[in-house]
Amino acid sequence: MSEFTLSELAIVACAEVWRDDGEVLATGIGTIPRIAAGLARLTHNPALLMTDGEAYLIEEPLPLGPREEKAKFSGWMPYSRVFDVVWRGRRHALVTPTQVDRYGQGNISCIGDFNKPKVQMLGMRGFPGNSVSHANSMFIPGHNARVFVAGEVDVVCSAGYNPARWPDGRVPASLDIRRIVTDLCVMDFGGPDRSIRVVSLHPGVTLDEVRAATGFELAVSESLTETPRPTEAQLAIIRRLDPHNLRAAAIKNNPPGIRAR
């Protein structure tokens, strides 16, 4: 039987967002998304493009933290070329908004009134353009009603499927938000009017728990399943990509020794 942590389960679930993407630039923002992108590249999508975080494409994902090995570069990827890829839609980013509403609109700007916020955060950054230029998925390490808010996010930084925010209520067919992975479940946008829908529950989590931690009504897939558990091969890759176990602190409720039945 394999033991794994919640972080490792989340990494495997996050890696799935890049399945069948082919040759696109994978951008994993944060510890778990970054490891997940490397796992995807080394398993089910070897065509995935990755950078060293600076100016080069790399042949193999780099481990997190201090390392002795040198990167194997395969091409030059300065900021200008990254934008070329973004604007052509050849990128899939895994991001972590502070707030998300039922239509997938994300907020990283501020909490409260924009003119007098309770909490000031990053600002809009690249969210507006990225959300309409290429595919996006989300990782939320703490699934609760402060993140998955009732009504609309305080500041709409990234576009979603809310028809009220689009001219004549027509959401562009090109808008592409794929999946949301949290510490409780995996969700997509297969609900009514492209609203959020639960597709799998993590081991030991109930649907009632997910609903209680969400500020809006959730749709549920007719084929609701348990989130797949990491295999020994996947765990070995994760540990190689994160030799300093930075993933342990990436989810607050990260109990060790979750045991496969």
C-alpha atoms as a PDB file:
ATOM      1  CA  MET A   1       0.000   0.000   0.000  1.00  0.00           C
ATOM      2  CA  SER A   2       1.268   3.483  -0.869  1.00  0.00           C
ATOM      3  CA  GLU A   3       1.378   6.332   1.608  1.00  0.00           C
ATOM      4  CA  PHE A   4       0.992   9.853   0.272  1.00  0.00           C
ATOM      5  CA  THR A   5       0.172  13.316   1.537  1.00  0.00           C
ATOM      6  CA  LEU A   6      -2.635  15.616   0.494  1.00  0.00           C
ATOM      7  CA  SER A   7      -0.071  17.789  -1.280  1.00  0.00           C
ATOM      8  CA  GLU A   8       1.079  14.827  -3.361  1.00  0.00           C
ATOM      9  CA  LEU A   9      -2.518  13.932  -4.218  1.00  0.00           C
ATOM     10  CA  ALA A  10      -3.073  17.554  -5.305  1.00  0.00           C
ATOM     11  CA  ILE A  11       0.086  17.540  -7.437  1.00  0.00           C
ATOM     12  CA  VAL A  12      -1.108  14.482  -9.343  1.00  0.00           C
ATOM     13  CA  ALA A  13      -4.568  16.026  -9.826  1.00  0.00           C
ATOM     14  CA  CYS A  14      -3.007  19.298 -11.008  1.00  0.00           C
ATOM     15  CA  ALA A  15      -0.740  17.502 -13.477  1.00  0.00           C
ATOM     16  CA  GLU A  16      -3.859  16.157 -15.181  1.00  0.00           C
ATOM     17  CA  VAL A  17      -4.854  19.633 -16.388  1.00  0.00           C
ATOM     18  CA  TRP A  18      -2.100  19.406 -19.027  1.00  0.00           C
ATOM     19  CA  ARG A  19      -3.099  15.974 -20.309  1.00  0.00           C
ATOM     20  CA  ASP A  20      -3.687  15.987 -24.088  1.00  0.00           C
ATOM     21  CA  ASP A  21      -2.484  19.617 -24.370  1.00  0.00           C
ATOM     22  CA  GLY A  22       0.414  18.716 -26.614  1.00  0.00           C
ATOM     23  CA  GLU A  23       3.101  21.317 -27.290  1.00  0.00           C
ATOM     24  CA  VAL A  24       2.005  24.284 -25.195  1.00  0.00           C
ATOM     25  CA  LEU A  25       3.881  26.360 -22.626  1.00  0.00           C
ATOM     26  CA  ALA A  26       3.053  25.136 -19.123  1.00  0.00           C
ATOM     27  CA  THR A  27       3.108  27.804 -16.436  1.00  0.00           C
ATOM     28  CA  GLY A  28       2.644  26.532 -12.902  1.00  0.00           C
ATOM     29  CA  ILE A  29       2.545  29.430 -10.454  1.00  0.00           C
ATOM     30  CA  GLY A  30       3.380  28.277  -6.937  1.00  0.00           C
ATOM     31  CA  THR A  31       4.924  25.171  -5.400  1.00  0.00           C
ATOM     32  CA  ILE A  32       2.286  22.568  -6.197  1.00  0.00           C
ATOM     33  CA  PRO A  33       1.483  23.893  -9.721  1.00  0.00           C
ATOM     34  CA  ARG A  34       5.198  24.028 -10.552  1.00  0.00           C
ATOM     35  CA  ILE A  35       5.827  20.432  -9.439  1.00  0.00           C
ATOM     36  CA  ALA A  36       2.652  19.349 -11.229  1.00  0.00           C
ATOM     37  CA  ALA A  37       3.857  20.813 -14.517  1.00  0.00           C
ATOM     38  CA  GLY A  38       7.094  18.866 -14.199  1.00  0.00           C
ATOM     39  CA  LEU A  39       5.197  15.679 -13.386  1.00  0.00           C
ATOM     40  CA  ALA A  40       3.005  16.155 -16.461  1.00  0.00           C
ATOM     41  CA  ARG A  41       6.082  16.659 -18.664  1.00  0.00           C
ATOM     42  CA  LEU A  42       7.778  13.526 -17.332  1.00  0.00           C
ATOM     43  CA  THR A  43       4.702  11.294 -17.621  1.00  0.00           C
ATOM     44  CA  HIS A  44       1.707  11.843 -19.863  1.00  0.00           C
ATOM     45  CA  ASN A  45       2.724  14.930 -21.899  1.00  0.00           C
ATOM     46  CA  PRO A  46       6.387  14.868 -22.977  1.00  0.00           C
ATOM     47  CA  ALA A  47       5.681  17.577 -25.573  1.00  0.00           C
ATOM     48  CA  LEU A  48       4.944  20.144 -22.876  1.00  0.00           C
ATOM     49  CA  LEU A  49       7.162  23.244 -23.000  1.00  0.00           C
ATOM     50  CA  MET A  50       8.753  24.520 -19.793  1.00  0.00           C
ATOM     51  CA  THR A  51      11.158  27.334 -18.962  1.00  0.00           C
ATOM     52  CA  ASP A  52      13.803  27.803 -16.286  1.00  0.00           C
ATOM     53  CA  GLY A  53      11.796  30.782 -14.980  1.00  0.00           C
ATOM     54  CA  GLU A  54      14.214  33.217 -16.612  1.00  0.00           C
ATOM     55  CA  ALA A  55      14.994  33.164 -20.319  1.00  0.00           C
ATOM     56  CA  TYR A  56      15.439  29.603 -21.553  1.00  0.00           C
ATOM     57  CA  LEU A  57      13.386  26.575 -22.499  1.00  0.00           C
ATOM     58  CA  ILE A  58      14.546  23.468 -20.665  1.00  0.00           C
ATOM     59  CA  GLU A  59      14.719  19.818 -21.678  1.00  0.00           C
ATOM     60  CA  GLU A  60      13.958  18.482 -18.193  1.00  0.00           C
ATOM     61  CA  PRO A  61      11.995  20.037 -15.318  1.00  0.00           C
ATOM     62  CA  LEU A  62      14.222  21.606 -12.669  1.00  0.00           C
ATOM     63  CA  PRO A  63      13.922  20.517  -9.026  1.00  0.00           C
ATOM     64  CA  LEU A  64      12.701  23.126  -6.573  1.00  0.00           C
ATOM     65  CA  GLY A  65      15.125  24.794  -4.159  1.00  0.00           C
ATOM     66  CA  PRO A  66      18.925  24.586  -4.018  1.00  0.00           C
ATOM     67  CA  ARG A  67      20.399  22.151  -6.500  1.00  0.00           C
ATOM     68  CA  GLU A  68      23.741  21.119  -7.907  1.00  0.00           C
ATOM     69  CA  GLU A  69      22.603  19.917 -11.304  1.00  0.00           C
ATOM     70  CA  LYS A  70      22.722  22.277 -14.255  1.00  0.00           C
ATOM     71  CA  ALA A  71      19.724  22.964 -16.466  1.00  0.00           C
ATOM     72  CA  LYS A  72      19.642  21.349 -19.903  1.00  0.00           C
ATOM     73  CA  PHE A  73      18.671  24.228 -22.156  1.00  0.00           C
ATOM     74  CA  SER A  74      16.902  23.660 -25.457  1.00  0.00           C
ATOM     75  CA  GLY A  75      16.072  27.159 -26.647  1.00  0.00           C
ATOM     76  CA  TRP A  76      15.977  30.868 -25.927  1.00  0.00           C
ATOM     77  CA  MET A  77      12.720  32.082 -24.361  1.00  0.00           C
ATOM     78  CA  PRO A  78      12.969  35.778 -23.410  1.00  0.00           C
ATOM     79  CA  TYR A  79       9.937  37.746 -22.259  1.00  0.00           C
ATOM     80  CA  SER A  80       9.103  38.931 -25.772  1.00  0.00           C
ATOM     81  CA  ARG A  81       8.821  35.342 -27.023  1.00  0.00           C
ATOM     82  CA  VAL A  82       6.705  34.388 -24.022  1.00  0.00           C
ATOM     83  CA  PHE A  83       4.227  37.079 -25.051  1.00  0.00           C
ATOM     84  CA  ASP A  84       4.227  35.717 -28.602  1.00  0.00           C
ATOM     85  CA  VAL A  85       3.207  32.333 -27.191  1.00  0.00           C
ATOM     86  CA  VAL A  86       0.591  33.877 -24.867  1.00  0.00           C
ATOM     87  CA  TRP A  87      -1.085  35.924 -27.575  1.00  0.00           C
ATOM     88  CA  ARG A  88      -1.243  32.910 -29.872  1.00  0.00           C
ATOM     89  CA  GLY A  89      -3.020  30.908 -27.196  1.00  0.00           C
ATOM     90  CA  ARG A  90      -0.196  28.344 -26.914  1.00  0.00           C
ATOM     91  CA  ARG A  91      -0.028  28.446 -23.133  1.00  0.00           C
ATOM     92  CA  HIS A  92      -1.882  26.780 -20.259  1.00  0.00           C
ATOM     93  CA  ALA A  93      -1.385  28.413 -16.862  1.00  0.00           C
ATOM     94  CA  LEU A  94      -2.245  26.958 -13.453  1.00  0.00           C
ATOM     95  CA  VAL A  95      -2.949  29.919 -11.175  1.00  0.00           C
ATOM     96  CA  THR A  96      -4.177  30.572  -7.618  1.00  0.00           C
ATOM     97  CA  PRO A  97      -6.697  33.412  -7.320  1.00  0.00           C
ATOM     98  CA  THR A  98      -7.628  34.766  -3.890  1.00  0.00           C
ATOM     99  CA  GLN A  99     -11.340  34.737  -4.768  1.00  0.00           C
ATOM    100  CA  VAL A 100     -13.304  32.721  -7.339  1.00  0.00           C
ATOM    101  CA  ASP A 101     -17.023  32.901  -8.095  1.00  0.00           C
ATOM    102  CA  ARG A 102     -19.368  30.317  -9.577  1.00  0.00           C
ATOM    103  CA  TYR A 103     -18.525  31.364 -13.152  1.00  0.00           C
ATOM    104  CA  GLY A 104     -14.760  31.196 -12.685  1.00  0.00           C
ATOM    105  CA  GLN A 105     -14.051  34.917 -12.424  1.00  0.00           C
ATOM    106  CA  GLY A 106     -10.886  35.385 -10.379  1.00  0.00           C
ATOM    107  CA  ASN A 107      -9.626  38.144  -8.080  1.00  0.00           C
ATOM    108  CA  ILE A 108      -6.030  38.848  -7.029  1.00  0.00           C
ATOM    109  CA  SER A 109      -6.386  42.631  -6.636  1.00  0.00           C
ATOM    110  CA  CYS A 110      -8.031  43.483  -3.309  1.00  0.00           C
ATOM    111  CA  ILE A 111     -10.685  42.433  -0.815  1.00  0.00           C
ATOM    112  CA  GLY A 112     -13.572  44.838  -0.275  1.00  0.00           C
ATOM    113  CA  ASP A 113     -14.336  48.117  -2.033  1.00  0.00           C
ATOM    114  CA  PHE A 114     -11.770  48.814  -4.759  1.00  0.00           C
ATOM    115  CA  ASN A 115     -11.565  52.495  -3.725  1.00  0.00           C
ATOM    116  CA  LYS A 116     -11.073  51.652  -0.033  1.00  0.00           C
ATOM    117  CA  PRO A 117     -10.042  47.996   0.230  1.00  0.00           C
ATOM    118  CA  LYS A 118      -9.895  45.981   3.428  1.00  0.00           C
ATOM    119  CA  VAL A 119      -6.885  44.106   2.042  1.00  0.00           C
ATOM    120  CA  GLN A 120      -4.633  45.235  -0.811  1.00  0.00           C
ATOM    121  CA  MET A 121      -3.060  42.415  -2.829  1.00  0.00           C
ATOM    122  CA  LEU A 122      -1.174  42.128  -6.112  1.00  0.00           C
ATOM    123  CA  GLY A 123      -3.280  44.244  -8.431  1.00  0.00           C
ATOM    124  CA  MET A 124      -4.568  42.995 -11.767  1.00  0.00           C
ATOM    125  CA  ARG A 125      -1.142  41.862 -13.001  1.00  0.00           C
ATOM    126  CA  GLY A 126      -1.513  39.786 -16.184  1.00  0.00           C
ATOM    127  CA  PHE A 127      -4.849  38.232 -15.258  1.00  0.00           C
ATOM    128  CA  PRO A 128      -7.116  40.189 -17.651  1.00  0.00           C
ATOM    129  CA  GLY A 129      -5.151  39.439 -20.809  1.00  0.00           C
ATOM    130  CA  ASN A 130      -4.080  35.939 -19.855  1.00  0.00           C
ATOM    131  CA  SER A 131      -7.635  34.878 -19.054  1.00  0.00           C
ATOM    132  CA  VAL A 132      -8.835  35.626 -22.586  1.00  0.00           C
ATOM    133  CA  SER A 133      -5.667  34.675 -24.492  1.00  0.00           C
ATOM    134  CA  HIS A 134      -5.032  31.075 -23.457  1.00  0.00           C
ATOM    135  CA  ALA A 135      -6.236  28.154 -21.362  1.00  0.00           C
ATOM    136  CA  ASN A 136      -6.223  28.503 -17.581  1.00  0.00           C
ATOM    137  CA  SER A 137      -6.806  26.204 -14.634  1.00  0.00           C
ATOM    138  CA  MET A 138      -6.713  26.932 -10.894  1.00  0.00           C
ATOM    139  CA  PHE A 139      -5.224  25.462  -7.743  1.00  0.00           C
ATOM    140  CA  ILE A 140      -6.814  26.498  -4.434  1.00  0.00           C
ATOM    141  CA  PRO A 141      -4.946  25.168  -1.350  1.00  0.00           C
ATOM    142  CA  GLY A 142      -7.712  26.101   1.116  1.00  0.00           C
ATOM    143  CA  HIS A 143     -11.244  25.405  -0.101  1.00  0.00           C
ATOM    144  CA  ASN A 144     -13.588  27.695   1.859  1.00  0.00           C
ATOM    145  CA  ALA A 145     -16.386  30.201   1.354  1.00  0.00           C
ATOM    146  CA  ARG A 146     -13.997  33.167   1.593  1.00  0.00           C
ATOM    147  CA  VAL A 147     -12.324  31.921  -1.597  1.00  0.00           C
ATOM    148  CA  PHE A 148     -15.374  30.479  -3.380  1.00  0.00           C
ATOM    149  CA  VAL A 149     -17.540  33.508  -2.701  1.00  0.00           C
ATOM    150  CA  ALA A 150     -21.273  34.028  -2.866  1.00  0.00           C
ATOM    151  CA  GLY A 151     -22.240  36.458  -5.624  1.00  0.00           C
ATOM    152  CA  GLU A 152     -19.345  37.948  -7.589  1.00  0.00           C
ATOM    153  CA  VAL A 153     -15.675  38.351  -6.685  1.00  0.00           C
ATOM    154  CA  ASP A 154     -14.833  41.769  -5.207  1.00  0.00           C
ATOM    155  CA  VAL A 155     -12.718  42.712  -8.249  1.00  0.00           C
ATOM    156  CA  VAL A 156     -13.021  40.875 -11.562  1.00  0.00           C
ATOM    157  CA  CYS A 157      -9.364  40.456 -12.550  1.00  0.00           C
ATOM    158  CA  SER A 158      -9.781  37.466 -14.844  1.00  0.00           C
ATOM    159  CA  ALA A 159     -12.655  36.750 -17.182  1.00  0.00           C
ATOM    160  CA  GLY A 160     -15.101  33.939 -16.512  1.00  0.00           C
ATOM    161  CA  TYR A 161     -18.318  32.500 -17.896  1.00  0.00           C
ATOM    162  CA  ASN A 162     -20.603  35.092 -16.268  1.00  0.00           C
ATOM    163  CA  PRO A 163     -22.911  36.196 -19.119  1.00  0.00           C
ATOM    164  CA  ALA A 164     -23.652  39.476 -17.304  1.00  0.00           C
ATOM    165  CA  ARG A 165     -20.045  40.558 -17.896  1.00  0.00           C
ATOM    166  CA  TRP A 166     -20.111  40.039 -21.670  1.00  0.00           C
ATOM    167  CA  PRO A 167     -21.775  42.177 -24.383  1.00  0.00           C
ATOM    168  CA  ASP A 168     -25.261  40.834 -25.156  1.00  0.00           C
ATOM    169  CA  GLY A 169     -24.609  38.034 -22.656  1.00  0.00           C
ATOM    170  CA  ARG A 170     -22.494  36.138 -25.185  1.00  0.00           C
ATOM    171  CA  VAL A 171     -19.490  34.453 -23.631  1.00  0.00           C
ATOM    172  CA  PRO A 172     -16.761  34.018 -26.288  1.00  0.00           C
ATOM    173  CA  ALA A 173     -16.341  30.449 -27.466  1.00  0.00           C
ATOM    174  CA  SER A 174     -12.577  30.895 -27.121  1.00  0.00           C
ATOM    175  CA  LEU A 175     -12.727  31.416 -23.349  1.00  0.00           C
ATOM    176  CA  ASP A 176     -11.089  28.322 -21.839  1.00  0.00           C
ATOM    177  CA  ILE A 177     -11.055  27.665 -18.093  1.00  0.00           C
ATOM    178  CA  ARG A 178     -10.386  23.973 -17.612  1.00  0.00           C
ATOM    179  CA  ARG A 179     -10.254  22.731 -14.037  1.00  0.00           C
ATOM    180  CA  ILE A 180     -10.022  23.733 -10.398  1.00  0.00           C
ATOM    181  CA  VAL A 181      -8.078  21.543  -7.981  1.00  0.00           C
ATOM    182  CA  THR A 182      -8.519  22.225  -4.252  1.00  0.00           C
ATOM    183  CA  ASP A 183      -7.599  20.502  -1.008  1.00  0.00           C
ATOM    184  CA  LEU A 184     -11.068  18.890  -1.037  1.00  0.00           C
ATOM    185  CA  CYS A 185     -11.931  18.037  -4.638  1.00  0.00           C
ATOM    186  CA  VAL A 186     -11.532  18.584  -8.369  1.00  0.00           C
ATOM    187  CA  MET A 187     -14.022  20.733 -10.271  1.00  0.00           C
ATOM    188  CA  ASP A 188     -14.668  21.851 -13.825  1.00  0.00           C
ATOM    189  CA  PHE A 189     -17.118  24.166 -15.605  1.00  0.00           C
ATOM    190  CA  GLY A 190     -19.673  21.636 -16.757  1.00  0.00           C
ATOM    191  CA  GLY A 191     -22.536  23.039 -14.661  1.00  0.00           C
ATOM    192  CA  PRO A 192     -25.500  25.110 -15.933  1.00  0.00           C
ATOM    193  CA  ASP A 193     -24.322  28.119 -17.997  1.00  0.00           C
ATOM    194  CA  ARG A 194     -20.706  26.879 -17.582  1.00  0.00           C
ATOM    195  CA  SER A 195     -20.822  27.195 -13.795  1.00  0.00           C
ATOM    196  CA  ILE A 196     -18.525  25.236 -11.475  1.00  0.00           C
ATOM    197  CA  ARG A 197     -19.214  21.515 -11.111  1.00  0.00           C
ATOM    198  CA  VAL A 198     -17.656  18.926  -8.789  1.00  0.00           C
ATOM    199  CA  VAL A 199     -16.153  15.998 -10.731  1.00  0.00           C
ATOM    200  CA  SER A 200     -14.181  14.138  -8.054  1.00  0.00           C
ATOM    201  CA  LEU A 201     -13.797  14.084  -4.275  1.00  0.00           C
ATOM    202  CA  HIS A 202     -10.472  13.510  -2.550  1.00  0.00           C
ATOM    203  CA  PRO A 203     -10.239  10.355  -0.420  1.00  0.00           C
ATOM    204  CA  GLY A 204     -12.230  10.755   2.799  1.00  0.00           C
ATOM    205  CA  VAL A 205     -14.009  13.948   1.696  1.00  0.00           C
ATOM    206  CA  THR A 206     -17.798  14.075   1.391  1.00  0.00           C
ATOM    207  CA  LEU A 207     -19.886  16.113  -0.998  1.00  0.00           C
ATOM    208  CA  ASP A 208     -21.571  17.794   1.981  1.00  0.00           C
ATOM    209  CA  GLU A 209     -18.173  19.011   3.192  1.00  0.00           C
ATOM    210  CA  VAL A 210     -17.429  20.555  -0.194  1.00  0.00           C
ATOM    211  CA  ARG A 211     -20.824  22.231  -0.347  1.00  0.00           C
ATOM    212  CA  ALA A 212     -20.441  23.617   3.193  1.00  0.00           C
ATOM    213  CA  ALA A 213     -17.079  25.146   2.206  1.00  0.00           C
ATOM    214  CA  THR A 214     -18.475  26.870  -0.914  1.00  0.00           C
ATOM    215  CA  GLY A 215     -20.366  30.156  -0.987  1.00  0.00           C
ATOM    216  CA  PHE A 216     -22.577  29.237  -3.938  1.00  0.00           C
ATOM    217  CA  GLU A 217     -24.586  26.262  -5.141  1.00  0.00           C
ATOM    218  CA  LEU A 218     -22.432  23.630  -6.812  1.00  0.00           C
ATOM    219  CA  ALA A 219     -23.381  21.432  -9.722  1.00  0.00           C
ATOM    220  CA  VAL A 220     -22.295  17.799  -9.390  1.00  0.00           C
ATOM    221  CA  SER A 221     -21.173  15.468 -12.161  1.00  0.00           C
ATOM    222  CA  GLU A 222     -23.363  12.444 -12.757  1.00  0.00           C
ATOM    223  CA  SER A 223     -20.153  10.402 -12.849  1.00  0.00           C
ATOM    224  CA  LEU A 224     -18.715  11.788  -9.586  1.00  0.00           C
ATOM    225  CA  THR A 225     -15.644   9.751  -8.624  1.00  0.00           C
ATOM    226  CA  GLU A 226     -12.812   9.664  -6.114  1.00  0.00           C
ATOM    227  CA  THR A 227      -9.731  11.645  -7.129  1.00  0.00           C
ATOM    228  CA  PRO A 228      -7.093   9.177  -8.366  1.00  0.00           C
ATOM    229  CA  ARG A 229      -4.404   8.393  -5.818  1.00  0.00           C
ATOM    230  CA  PRO A 230      -0.703   8.793  -6.679  1.00  0.00           C
ATOM    231  CA  THR A 231       1.123   5.765  -7.987  1.00  0.00           C
ATOM    232  CA  GLU A 232       4.565   4.735  -6.760  1.00  0.00           C
ATOM    233  CA  ALA A 233       6.052   5.963 -10.039  1.00  0.00           C
ATOM    234  CA  GLN A 234       4.389   9.377  -9.681  1.00  0.00           C
ATOM    235  CA  LEU A 235       5.512   9.694  -6.063  1.00  0.00           C
ATOM    236  CA  ALA A 236       9.097   8.935  -7.060  1.00  0.00           C
ATOM    237  CA  ILE A 237       9.015  11.734  -9.664  1.00  0.00           C
ATOM    238  CA  ILE A 238       7.435  14.186  -7.218  1.00  0.00           C
ATOM    239  CA  ARG A 239      10.160  13.484  -4.647  1.00  0.00           C
ATOM    240  CA  ARG A 240      12.848  13.961  -7.283  1.00  0.00           C
ATOM    241  CA  LEU A 241      11.320  17.293  -8.387  1.00  0.00           C
ATOM    242  CA  ASP A 242      10.950  18.466  -4.781  1.00  0.00           C
ATOM    243  CA  PRO A 243      13.955  17.052  -2.895  1.00  0.00           C
ATOM    244  CA  HIS A 244      13.590  19.548  -0.035  1.00  0.00           C
ATOM    245  CA  ASN A 245       9.902  18.679   0.549  1.00  0.00           C
ATOM    246  CA  LEU A 246       8.676  22.230  -0.023  1.00  0.00           C
ATOM    247  CA  ARG A 247       5.318  20.710  -0.945  1.00  0.00           C
ATOM    248  CA  ALA A 248       4.713  19.845   2.722  1.00  0.00           C
ATOM    249  CA  ALA A 249       3.950  23.489   3.538  1.00  0.00           C
ATOM    250  CA  ALA A 250       1.925  24.183   0.395  1.00  0.00           C
ATOM    251  CA  ILE A 251      -1.357  23.010   1.939  1.00  0.00           C
ATOM    252  CA  LYS A 252      -2.081  23.867   5.586  1.00  0.00           C
ATOM    253  CA  ASN A 253      -4.165  20.770   6.228  1.00  0.00           C
ATOM    254  CA  ASN A 254      -1.661  18.293   4.806  1.00  0.00           C
ATOM    255  CA  PRO A 255      -1.870  15.125   6.904  1.00  0.00           C
ATOM    256  CA  PRO A 256       0.904  12.613   6.290  1.00  0.00           C
ATOM    257  CA  GLY A 257       0.318   8.921   5.839  1.00  0.00           C
ATOM    258  CA  ILE A 258      -2.875   8.964   3.810  1.00  0.00           C
ATOM    259  CA  ARG A 259      -3.039   5.291   2.987  1.00  0.00           C
ATOM    260  CA  ALA A 260      -4.377   3.716  -0.189  1.00  0.00           C
ATOM    261  CA  ARG A 261      -6.876   0.955   0.396  1.00  0.00           C
END
